[in-house]
């Protein structure tokens, strides 16, 4: 009888330990997810700033020509297309 009580205690202790580590894993994963989201937002901001700078530079180069907006957009699309 005493052995079965000890076995039950070991199972309980193991369950408590597993619960603790599951919560710790969840906490760490949430922290990592927050960092990934933050990095993605920064990347999108940098991408938008880079696109605006490209467009401004292209417009400055083509200022002496009468180039339509849709042609400028097409040139930018062509520049950034990957083949």
PDB file of N, CA and C in Angstrom:
ATOM      1  N   UNK A   1       0.804  -1.191   0.000  1.00  0.00           N
ATOM      2  CA  UNK A   1       0.000   0.000   0.000  1.00  0.00           C
ATOM      3  C   UNK A   1       0.857   1.270   0.000  1.00  0.00           C
ATOM      4  N   UNK A   2       1.895   1.263   0.732  1.00  0.00           N
ATOM      5  CA  UNK A   2       2.738   2.443   0.822  1.00  0.00           C
ATOM      6  C   UNK A   2       3.378   2.756  -0.526  1.00  0.00           C
ATOM      7  N   UNK A   3       3.719   1.735  -1.273  1.00  0.00           N
ATOM      8  CA  UNK A   3       4.335   1.961  -2.576  1.00  0.00           C
ATOM      9  C   UNK A   3       3.370   2.610  -3.552  1.00  0.00           C
ATOM     10  N   UNK A   4       2.106   2.204  -3.514  1.00  0.00           N
ATOM     11  CA  UNK A   4       1.149   2.809  -4.433  1.00  0.00           C
ATOM     12  C   UNK A   4       0.943   4.288  -4.110  1.00  0.00           C
ATOM     13  N   UNK A   5       1.030   4.653  -2.848  1.00  0.00           N
ATOM     14  CA  UNK A   5       0.918   6.062  -2.468  1.00  0.00           C
ATOM     15  C   UNK A   5       2.091   6.866  -2.984  1.00  0.00           C
ATOM     16  N   UNK A   6       3.278   6.312  -2.906  1.00  0.00           N
ATOM     17  CA  UNK A   6       4.472   6.984  -3.408  1.00  0.00           C
ATOM     18  C   UNK A   6       4.382   7.133  -4.921  1.00  0.00           C
ATOM     19  N   UNK A   7       3.897   6.089  -5.585  1.00  0.00           N
ATOM     20  CA  UNK A   7       3.747   6.156  -7.042  1.00  0.00           C
ATOM     21  C   UNK A   7       2.794   7.280  -7.428  1.00  0.00           C
ATOM     22  N   UNK A   8       1.693   7.398  -6.736  1.00  0.00           N
ATOM     23  CA  UNK A   8       0.750   8.476  -7.007  1.00  0.00           C
ATOM     24  C   UNK A   8       1.362   9.844  -6.770  1.00  0.00           C
ATOM     25  N   UNK A   9       2.178   9.944  -5.737  1.00  0.00           N
ATOM     26  CA  UNK A   9       2.856  11.209  -5.453  1.00  0.00           C
ATOM     27  C   UNK A   9       3.820  11.555  -6.582  1.00  0.00           C
ATOM     28  N   UNK A  10       4.568  10.566  -7.069  1.00  0.00           N
ATOM     29  CA  UNK A  10       5.499  10.801  -8.169  1.00  0.00           C
ATOM     30  C   UNK A  10       4.761  11.253  -9.432  1.00  0.00           C
ATOM     31  N   UNK A  11       3.617  10.656  -9.701  1.00  0.00           N
ATOM     32  CA  UNK A  11       2.824  11.056 -10.869  1.00  0.00           C
ATOM     33  C   UNK A  11       2.322  12.488 -10.711  1.00  0.00           C
ATOM     34  N   UNK A  12       1.892  12.829  -9.501  1.00  0.00           N
ATOM     35  CA  UNK A  12       1.412  14.186  -9.244  1.00  0.00           C
ATOM     36  C   UNK A  12       2.556  15.180  -9.402  1.00  0.00           C
ATOM     37  N   UNK A  13       3.696  14.834  -8.834  1.00  0.00           N
ATOM     38  CA  UNK A  13       4.866  15.706  -8.935  1.00  0.00           C
ATOM     39  C   UNK A  13       5.266  15.886 -10.401  1.00  0.00           C
ATOM     40  N   UNK A  14       5.232  14.826 -11.166  1.00  0.00           N
ATOM     41  CA  UNK A  14       5.561  14.891 -12.582  1.00  0.00           C
ATOM     42  C   UNK A  14       4.552  15.756 -13.339  1.00  0.00           C
ATOM     43  N   UNK A  15       3.278  15.632 -13.003  1.00  0.00           N
ATOM     44  CA  UNK A  15       2.244  16.440 -13.658  1.00  0.00           C
ATOM     45  C   UNK A  15       2.434  17.921 -13.342  1.00  0.00           C
ATOM     46  N   UNK A  16       2.751  18.234 -12.089  1.00  0.00           N
ATOM     47  CA  UNK A  16       2.979  19.627 -11.694  1.00  0.00           C
ATOM     48  C   UNK A  16       4.195  20.180 -12.428  1.00  0.00           C
ATOM     49  N   UNK A  17       5.247  19.370 -12.516  1.00  0.00           N
ATOM     50  CA  UNK A  17       6.454  19.792 -13.221  1.00  0.00           C
ATOM     51  C   UNK A  17       6.165  20.042 -14.701  1.00  0.00           C
ATOM     52  N   UNK A  18       5.427  19.138 -15.333  1.00  0.00           N
ATOM     53  CA  UNK A  18       5.068  19.314 -16.743  1.00  0.00           C
ATOM     54  C   UNK A  18       4.236  20.566 -16.944  1.00  0.00           C
ATOM     55  N   UNK A  19       3.317  20.834 -16.049  1.00  0.00           N
ATOM     56  CA  UNK A  19       2.483  22.037 -16.130  1.00  0.00           C
ATOM     57  C   UNK A  19       3.337  23.292 -16.037  1.00  0.00           C
ATOM     58  N   UNK A  20       4.289  23.287 -15.111  1.00  0.00           N
ATOM     59  CA  UNK A  20       5.187  24.435 -14.947  1.00  0.00           C
ATOM     60  C   UNK A  20       5.963  24.691 -16.234  1.00  0.00           C
ATOM     61  N   UNK A  21       6.574  23.633 -16.779  1.00  0.00           N
ATOM     62  CA  UNK A  21       7.379  23.827 -17.981  1.00  0.00           C
ATOM     63  C   UNK A  21       6.526  24.178 -19.196  1.00  0.00           C
ATOM     64  N   UNK A  22       5.325  23.685 -19.276  1.00  0.00           N
ATOM     65  CA  UNK A  22       4.425  24.081 -20.365  1.00  0.00           C
ATOM     66  C   UNK A  22       4.106  25.570 -20.287  1.00  0.00           C
ATOM     67  N   UNK A  23       3.881  26.067 -19.073  1.00  0.00           N
ATOM     68  CA  UNK A  23       3.606  27.502 -18.905  1.00  0.00           C
ATOM     69  C   UNK A  23       4.831  28.335 -19.227  1.00  0.00           C
ATOM     70  N   UNK A  24       6.002  27.849 -18.822  1.00  0.00           N
ATOM     71  CA  UNK A  24       7.236  28.563 -19.141  1.00  0.00           C
ATOM     72  C   UNK A  24       7.467  28.596 -20.650  1.00  0.00           C
ATOM     73  N   UNK A  25       7.243  27.467 -21.319  1.00  0.00           N
ATOM     74  CA  UNK A  25       7.380  27.421 -22.774  1.00  0.00           C
ATOM     75  C   UNK A  25       6.427  28.398 -23.444  1.00  0.00           C
ATOM     76  N   UNK A  26       5.198  28.453 -22.970  1.00  0.00           N
ATOM     77  CA  UNK A  26       4.207  29.368 -23.534  1.00  0.00           C
ATOM     78  C   UNK A  26       4.641  30.815 -23.345  1.00  0.00           C
ATOM     79  N   UNK A  27       5.162  31.137 -22.166  1.00  0.00           N
ATOM     80  CA  UNK A  27       5.610  32.502 -21.880  1.00  0.00           C
ATOM     81  C   UNK A  27       6.757  32.890 -22.813  1.00  0.00           C
ATOM     82  N   UNK A  28       7.703  31.989 -22.980  1.00  0.00           N
ATOM     83  CA  UNK A  28       8.853  32.267 -23.842  1.00  0.00           C
ATOM     84  C   UNK A  28       8.417  32.393 -25.301  1.00  0.00           C
ATOM     85  N   UNK A  29       7.521  31.516 -25.745  1.00  0.00           N
ATOM     86  CA  UNK A  29       7.042  31.585 -27.124  1.00  0.00           C
ATOM     87  C   UNK A  29       6.258  32.863 -27.396  1.00  0.00           C
ATOM     88  N   UNK A  30       5.485  33.318 -26.408  1.00  0.00           N
ATOM     89  CA  UNK A  30       4.770  34.592 -26.578  1.00  0.00           C
ATOM     90  C   UNK A  30       5.752  35.754 -26.709  1.00  0.00           C
ATOM     91  N   UNK A  31       6.822  35.707 -25.935  1.00  0.00           N
ATOM     92  CA  UNK A  31       7.848  36.748 -26.012  1.00  0.00           C
ATOM     93  C   UNK A  31       8.511  36.747 -27.389  1.00  0.00           C
ATOM     94  N   UNK A  32       8.824  35.553 -27.905  1.00  0.00           N
ATOM     95  CA  UNK A  32       9.427  35.436 -29.236  1.00  0.00           C
ATOM     96  C   UNK A  32       8.460  35.930 -30.305  1.00  0.00           C
ATOM     97  N   UNK A  33       7.184  35.568 -30.175  1.00  0.00           N
ATOM     98  CA  UNK A  33       6.181  36.018 -31.138  1.00  0.00           C
ATOM     99  C   UNK A  33       6.085  37.540 -31.152  1.00  0.00           C
ATOM    100  N   UNK A  34       6.148  38.152 -29.987  1.00  0.00           N
ATOM    101  CA  UNK A  34       6.129  39.615 -29.912  1.00  0.00           C
ATOM    102  C   UNK A  34       7.307  40.227 -30.637  1.00  0.00           C
ATOM    103  N   UNK A  35       8.485  39.621 -30.471  1.00  0.00           N
ATOM    104  CA  UNK A  35       9.675  40.125 -31.153  1.00  0.00           C
ATOM    105  C   UNK A  35       9.547  39.968 -32.665  1.00  0.00           C
ATOM    106  N   UNK A  36       9.002  38.842 -33.118  1.00  0.00           N
ATOM    107  CA  UNK A  36       8.828  38.602 -34.555  1.00  0.00           C
ATOM    108  C   UNK A  36       7.846  39.618 -35.141  1.00  0.00           C
ATOM    109  N   UNK A  37       6.740  39.867 -34.427  1.00  0.00           N
ATOM    110  CA  UNK A  37       5.766  40.853 -34.907  1.00  0.00           C
ATOM    111  C   UNK A  37       6.398  42.233 -34.990  1.00  0.00           C
ATOM    112  N   UNK A  38       7.172  42.603 -33.996  1.00  0.00           N
ATOM    113  CA  UNK A  38       7.833  43.903 -33.980  1.00  0.00           C
ATOM    114  C   UNK A  38       8.800  44.025 -35.151  1.00  0.00           C
ATOM    115  N   UNK A  39       9.567  42.975 -35.407  1.00  0.00           N
ATOM    116  CA  UNK A  39      10.507  42.982 -36.522  1.00  0.00           C
ATOM    117  C   UNK A  39       9.779  43.096 -37.856  1.00  0.00           C
ATOM    118  N   UNK A  40       8.666  42.404 -37.994  1.00  0.00           N
ATOM    119  CA  UNK A  40       7.887  42.463 -39.234  1.00  0.00           C
ATOM    120  C   UNK A  40       7.352  43.871 -39.470  1.00  0.00           C
ATOM    121  N   UNK A  41       6.896  44.519 -38.412  1.00  0.00           N
ATOM    122  CA  UNK A  41       6.398  45.889 -38.540  1.00  0.00           C
ATOM    123  C   UNK A  41       7.521  46.833 -38.956  1.00  0.00           C
ATOM    124  N   UNK A  42       8.715  46.653 -38.383  1.00  0.00           N
ATOM    125  CA  UNK A  42       9.850  47.489 -38.744  1.00  0.00           C
ATOM    126  C   UNK A  42      10.256  47.249 -40.190  1.00  0.00           C
ATOM    127  N   UNK A  43      10.214  45.985 -40.627  1.00  0.00           N
ATOM    128  CA  UNK A  43      10.556  45.660 -42.009  1.00  0.00           C
ATOM    129  C   UNK A  43       9.571  46.313 -42.980  1.00  0.00           C
ATOM    130  N   UNK A  44       8.287  46.297 -42.651  1.00  0.00           N
ATOM    131  CA  UNK A  44       7.277  46.923 -43.513  1.00  0.00           C
ATOM    132  C   UNK A  44       7.497  48.433 -43.583  1.00  0.00           C
ATOM    133  N   UNK A  45       7.833  49.043 -42.464  1.00  0.00           N
ATOM    134  CA  UNK A  45       8.099  50.484 -42.436  1.00  0.00           C
ATOM    135  C   UNK A  45       9.319  50.811 -43.295  1.00  0.00           C
ATOM    136  N   UNK A  46      10.380  50.032 -43.151  1.00  0.00           N
ATOM    137  CA  UNK A  46      11.592  50.251 -43.944  1.00  0.00           C
ATOM    138  C   UNK A  46      11.311  50.038 -45.423  1.00  0.00           C
ATOM    139  N   UNK A  47      10.512  49.042 -45.739  1.00  0.00           N
ATOM    140  CA  UNK A  47      10.164  48.761 -47.132  1.00  0.00           C
ATOM    141  C   UNK A  47       9.395  49.932 -47.739  1.00  0.00           C
ATOM    142  N   UNK A  48       8.453  50.486 -46.989  1.00  0.00           N
ATOM    143  CA  UNK A  48       7.672  51.629 -47.477  1.00  0.00           C
ATOM    144  C   UNK A  48       8.563  52.852 -47.670  1.00  0.00           C
ATOM    145  N   UNK A  49       9.485  53.076 -46.747  1.00  0.00           N
ATOM    146  CA  UNK A  49      10.395  54.214 -46.865  1.00  0.00           C
ATOM    147  C   UNK A  49      11.315  54.050 -48.073  1.00  0.00           C
ATOM    148  N   UNK A  50      11.780  52.843 -48.308  1.00  0.00           N
ATOM    149  CA  UNK A  50      12.655  52.573 -49.448  1.00  0.00           C
ATOM    150  C   UNK A  50      11.901  52.784 -50.763  1.00  0.00           C
ATOM    151  N   UNK A  51      10.662  52.323 -50.825  1.00  0.00           N
ATOM    152  CA  UNK A  51       9.856  52.492 -52.037  1.00  0.00           C
ATOM    153  C   UNK A  51       9.604  53.970 -52.314  1.00  0.00           C
ATOM    154  N   UNK A  52       9.336  54.741 -51.270  1.00  0.00           N
ATOM    155  CA  UNK A  52       9.101  56.182 -51.442  1.00  0.00           C
ATOM    156  C   UNK A  52      10.375  56.881 -51.922  1.00  0.00           C
ATOM    157  N   UNK A  53      11.523  56.478 -51.399  1.00  0.00           N
ATOM    158  CA  UNK A  53      12.788  57.073 -51.824  1.00  0.00           C
ATOM    159  C   UNK A  53      13.093  56.721 -53.274  1.00  0.00           C
ATOM    160  N   UNK A  54      12.827  55.480 -53.671  1.00  0.00           N
ATOM    161  CA  UNK A  54      13.018  55.070 -55.070  1.00  0.00           C
ATOM    162  C   UNK A  54      12.150  55.894 -56.006  1.00  0.00           C
ATOM    163  N   UNK A  55      10.886  56.054 -55.630  1.00  0.00           N
ATOM    164  CA  UNK A  55       9.967  56.810 -56.478  1.00  0.00           C
ATOM    165  C   UNK A  55      10.393  58.273 -56.583  1.00  0.00           C
ATOM    166  N   UNK A  56      10.819  58.860 -55.465  1.00  0.00           N
ATOM    167  CA  UNK A  56      11.252  60.259 -55.492  1.00  0.00           C
ATOM    168  C   UNK A  56      12.485  60.426 -56.380  1.00  0.00           C
ATOM    169  N   UNK A  57      13.428  59.494 -56.289  1.00  0.00           N
ATOM    170  CA  UNK A  57      14.631  59.575 -57.114  1.00  0.00           C
ATOM    171  C   UNK A  57      14.294  59.423 -58.593  1.00  0.00           C
ATOM    172  N   UNK A  58      13.399  58.487 -58.906  1.00  0.00           N
ATOM    173  CA  UNK A  58      12.995  58.294 -60.297  1.00  0.00           C
ATOM    174  C   UNK A  58      12.270  59.520 -60.840  1.00  0.00           C
ATOM    175  N   UNK A  59      11.399  60.093 -60.035  1.00  0.00           N
ATOM    176  CA  UNK A  59      10.680  61.304 -60.477  1.00  0.00           C
ATOM    177  C   UNK A  59      11.662  62.454 -60.713  1.00  0.00           C
ATOM    178  N   UNK A  60      12.695  62.544 -59.883  1.00  0.00           N
ATOM    179  CA  UNK A  60      13.692  63.599 -60.057  1.00  0.00           C
ATOM    180  C   UNK A  60      14.462  63.388 -61.361  1.00  0.00           C
ATOM    181  N   UNK A  61      14.810  62.146 -61.677  1.00  0.00           N
ATOM    182  CA  UNK A  61      15.525  61.844 -62.915  1.00  0.00           C
ATOM    183  C   UNK A  61      14.656  62.152 -64.132  1.00  0.00           C
ATOM    184  N   UNK A  62      13.369  61.800 -64.040  1.00  0.00           N
ATOM    185  CA  UNK A  62      12.463  61.970 -65.178  1.00  0.00           C
ATOM    186  C   UNK A  62      11.716  63.306 -65.166  1.00  0.00           C
ATOM    187  N   UNK A  63      12.126  64.237 -64.339  1.00  0.00           N
ATOM    188  CA  UNK A  63      11.418  65.512 -64.205  1.00  0.00           C
ATOM    189  C   UNK A  63      11.389  66.300 -65.516  1.00  0.00           C
ATOM    190  N   UNK A  64      12.430  66.196 -66.313  1.00  0.00           N
ATOM    191  CA  UNK A  64      12.466  66.979 -67.555  1.00  0.00           C
ATOM    192  C   UNK A  64      11.665  66.346 -68.684  1.00  0.00           C
ATOM    193  N   UNK A  65      11.145  65.139 -68.443  1.00  0.00           N
ATOM    194  CA  UNK A  65      10.314  64.456 -69.431  1.00  0.00           C
ATOM    195  C   UNK A  65       8.882  64.414 -68.928  1.00  0.00           C
ATOM    196  N   UNK A  66       7.945  64.348 -69.816  1.00  0.00           N
ATOM    197  CA  UNK A  66       6.546  64.227 -69.387  1.00  0.00           C
ATOM    198  C   UNK A  66       6.195  62.736 -69.348  1.00  0.00           C
ATOM    199  N   UNK A  67       6.400  62.148 -68.177  1.00  0.00           N
ATOM    200  CA  UNK A  67       6.145  60.718 -67.992  1.00  0.00           C
ATOM    201  C   UNK A  67       4.918  60.579 -67.102  1.00  0.00           C
ATOM    202  N   UNK A  68       3.987  59.765 -67.536  1.00  0.00           N
ATOM    203  CA  UNK A  68       2.747  59.575 -66.778  1.00  0.00           C
ATOM    204  C   UNK A  68       3.031  58.779 -65.495  1.00  0.00           C
ATOM    205  N   UNK A  69       2.157  58.979 -64.508  1.00  0.00           N
ATOM    206  CA  UNK A  69       2.310  58.290 -63.220  1.00  0.00           C
ATOM    207  C   UNK A  69       2.295  56.773 -63.375  1.00  0.00           C
ATOM    208  N   UNK A  70       1.410  56.282 -64.237  1.00  0.00           N
ATOM    209  CA  UNK A  70       1.345  54.824 -64.389  1.00  0.00           C
ATOM    210  C   UNK A  70       2.615  54.267 -65.019  1.00  0.00           C
ATOM    211  N   UNK A  71       3.310  55.070 -65.844  1.00  0.00           N
ATOM    212  CA  UNK A  71       4.584  54.626 -66.413  1.00  0.00           C
ATOM    213  C   UNK A  71       5.684  54.598 -65.351  1.00  0.00           C
ATOM    214  N   UNK A  72       5.650  55.561 -64.452  1.00  0.00           N
ATOM    215  CA  UNK A  72       6.620  55.571 -63.347  1.00  0.00           C
ATOM    216  C   UNK A  72       6.399  54.358 -62.452  1.00  0.00           C
ATOM    217  N   UNK A  73       5.134  54.079 -62.158  1.00  0.00           N
ATOM    218  CA  UNK A  73       4.819  52.895 -61.345  1.00  0.00           C
ATOM    219  C   UNK A  73       5.278  51.619 -62.056  1.00  0.00           C
ATOM    220  N   UNK A  74       5.100  51.558 -63.380  1.00  0.00           N
ATOM    221  CA  UNK A  74       5.526  50.385 -64.145  1.00  0.00           C
ATOM    222  C   UNK A  74       7.050  50.237 -64.103  1.00  0.00           C
ATOM    223  N   UNK A  75       7.768  51.348 -64.201  1.00  0.00           N
ATOM    224  CA  UNK A  75       9.228  51.290 -64.104  1.00  0.00           C
ATOM    225  C   UNK A  75       9.687  50.792 -62.733  1.00  0.00           C
ATOM    226  N   UNK A  76       9.045  51.279 -61.688  1.00  0.00           N
ATOM    227  CA  UNK A  76       9.388  50.830 -60.338  1.00  0.00           C
ATOM    228  C   UNK A  76       9.076  49.348 -60.154  1.00  0.00           C
ATOM    229  N   UNK A  77       7.953  48.915 -60.702  1.00  0.00           N
ATOM    230  CA  UNK A  77       7.601  47.499 -60.626  1.00  0.00           C
ATOM    231  C   UNK A  77       8.641  46.660 -61.364  1.00  0.00           C
ATOM    232  N   UNK A  78       9.064  47.123 -62.530  1.00  0.00           N
ATOM    233  CA  UNK A  78      10.065  46.420 -63.316  1.00  0.00           C
ATOM    234  C   UNK A  78      11.394  46.357 -62.567  1.00  0.00           C
ATOM    235  N   UNK A  79      11.758  47.467 -61.918  1.00  0.00           N
ATOM    236  CA  UNK A  79      13.027  47.529 -61.180  1.00  0.00           C
ATOM    237  C   UNK A  79      13.048  46.502 -60.044  1.00  0.00           C
ATOM    238  N   UNK A  80      11.932  46.339 -59.365  1.00  0.00           N
ATOM    239  CA  UNK A  80      11.895  45.474 -58.183  1.00  0.00           C
ATOM    240  C   UNK A  80      11.451  44.047 -58.489  1.00  0.00           C
ATOM    241  N   UNK A  81      11.114  43.778 -59.749  1.00  0.00           N
ATOM    242  CA  UNK A  81      10.677  42.418 -60.109  1.00  0.00           C
ATOM    243  C   UNK A  81      11.863  41.465 -60.028  1.00  0.00           C
ATOM    244  N   UNK A  82      11.593  40.272 -59.533  1.00  0.00           N
ATOM    245  CA  UNK A  82      12.627  39.246 -59.479  1.00  0.00           C
ATOM    246  C   UNK A  82      12.311  38.188 -60.526  1.00  0.00           C
ATOM    247  N   UNK A  83      13.302  37.819 -61.241  1.00  0.00           N
ATOM    248  CA  UNK A  83      13.120  36.855 -62.316  1.00  0.00           C
ATOM    249  C   UNK A  83      13.784  35.563 -61.968  1.00  0.00           C
TER     250      UNK A  83
END
